[in-house]
Amino acid sequence: MFVFEENFKKGDYIINHTSGDMAVYDKADDKGYMHFKHYYGAMFKDLKDCKNLTLQINYQKFYELCNEEEKQQMDEIIKEKGGK
């Protein structure tokens, strides 16, 4: 069994300031993979399909909670790109 600690809660807006990627966190599964409601990849400026997008839980160290301005920016991206 894989033991880990989640740094985020369901619905948290998170950002990787180095890459510019932003996401709305959903959960971590029992295998240690993070799942997202929405994930914006800054490199290609696209909103990813989160059905098959996961990151290993150890990548959470590169993310932190978004501030209010970043949350608004992510909400605009979701609205503009048609996220559900």
Protein backbone atom coordinates (compact mmCIF):
# COMPACT_ATOMS: atom_id res chain seq x y z
CA MET A 1 0.00 0.00 0.00
CA PHE A 2 1.25 3.46 -0.95
CA VAL A 3 1.21 5.98 1.91
CA PHE A 4 1.17 9.68 1.10
CA GLU A 5 -0.11 13.00 2.34
CA GLU A 6 -2.26 15.22 0.14
CA ASN A 7 -1.32 18.90 0.29
CA PHE A 8 -4.55 20.00 -1.39
CA LYS A 9 -8.28 19.50 -0.98
CA LYS A 10 -10.95 18.82 -3.58
CA GLY A 11 -11.73 22.04 -5.44
CA ASP A 12 -8.47 23.81 -4.59
CA TYR A 13 -7.02 25.97 -7.35
CA ILE A 14 -3.31 25.23 -7.66
CA ILE A 15 -0.48 26.64 -9.76
CA ASN A 16 3.06 25.74 -10.72
CA HIS A 17 4.72 29.14 -10.95
CA THR A 18 7.72 27.74 -12.84
CA SER A 19 5.73 26.25 -15.72
CA GLY A 20 2.61 28.42 -15.42
CA ASP A 21 0.36 25.35 -15.33
CA MET A 22 -2.83 25.78 -13.29
CA ALA A 23 -5.39 23.25 -12.17
CA VAL A 24 -8.48 22.65 -10.11
CA TYR A 25 -7.56 19.73 -7.87
CA ASP A 26 -9.94 16.79 -7.53
CA LYS A 27 -8.34 13.98 -5.53
CA ALA A 28 -5.49 11.56 -5.14
CA ASP A 29 -6.20 7.90 -5.78
CA ASP A 30 -4.94 5.01 -3.66
CA LYS A 31 -2.07 4.41 -6.12
CA GLY A 32 -0.65 7.87 -5.47
CA TYR A 33 -1.81 9.75 -8.56
CA MET A 34 -3.40 13.20 -8.50
CA HIS A 35 -6.57 13.80 -10.51
CA PHE A 36 -7.93 17.16 -11.62
CA LYS A 37 -11.28 18.70 -12.53
CA HIS A 38 -9.49 21.10 -14.90
CA TYR A 39 -5.87 21.40 -15.97
CA TYR A 40 -4.43 24.27 -18.00
CA GLY A 41 -1.09 23.63 -19.68
CA ALA A 42 0.68 26.96 -20.11
CA MET A 43 3.22 25.73 -22.69
CA PHE A 44 0.59 25.10 -25.35
CA LYS A 45 -2.06 27.33 -23.74
CA ASP A 46 -4.64 24.55 -23.67
CA LEU A 47 -7.16 23.15 -21.27
CA LYS A 48 -6.38 19.45 -21.04
CA ASP A 49 -8.83 16.54 -21.06
CA CYS A 50 -8.67 15.42 -17.44
CA LYS A 51 -10.19 11.97 -17.97
CA ASN A 52 -6.74 10.50 -18.61
CA LEU A 53 -4.53 13.16 -17.05
CA THR A 54 -2.84 12.27 -13.77
CA LEU A 55 0.37 13.27 -12.04
CA GLN A 56 2.28 11.34 -9.42
CA ILE A 57 1.58 12.66 -5.95
CA ASN A 58 5.24 13.63 -5.48
CA TYR A 59 4.72 16.36 -8.12
CA GLN A 60 2.52 18.26 -5.67
CA LYS A 61 5.70 19.79 -4.26
CA PHE A 62 5.88 21.95 -7.41
CA TYR A 63 2.38 23.41 -6.86
CA GLU A 64 0.90 25.88 -4.42
CA LEU A 65 -2.52 27.37 -3.87
CA CYS A 66 -3.58 30.10 -6.29
CA ASN A 67 -4.21 33.62 -5.08
CA GLU A 68 -7.53 35.34 -5.94
CA GLU A 69 -6.19 36.87 -9.16
CA GLU A 70 -4.90 33.49 -10.36
CA LYS A 71 -8.25 31.86 -9.48
CA GLN A 72 -10.07 34.45 -11.60
CA GLN A 73 -7.62 33.86 -14.44
CA MET A 74 -8.26 30.09 -14.28
CA ASP A 75 -12.04 30.63 -14.20
CA GLU A 76 -11.73 32.78 -17.35
CA ILE A 77 -9.66 30.11 -19.08
CA ILE A 78 -12.24 27.44 -18.20
CA LYS A 79 -15.07 29.66 -19.45
CA GLU A 80 -13.20 30.64 -22.64
CA LYS A 81 -11.98 27.13 -23.50
CA GLY A 82 -15.29 25.45 -22.71
CA GLY A 83 -14.34 23.45 -19.64
CA LYS A 84 -17.18 21.64 -17.92
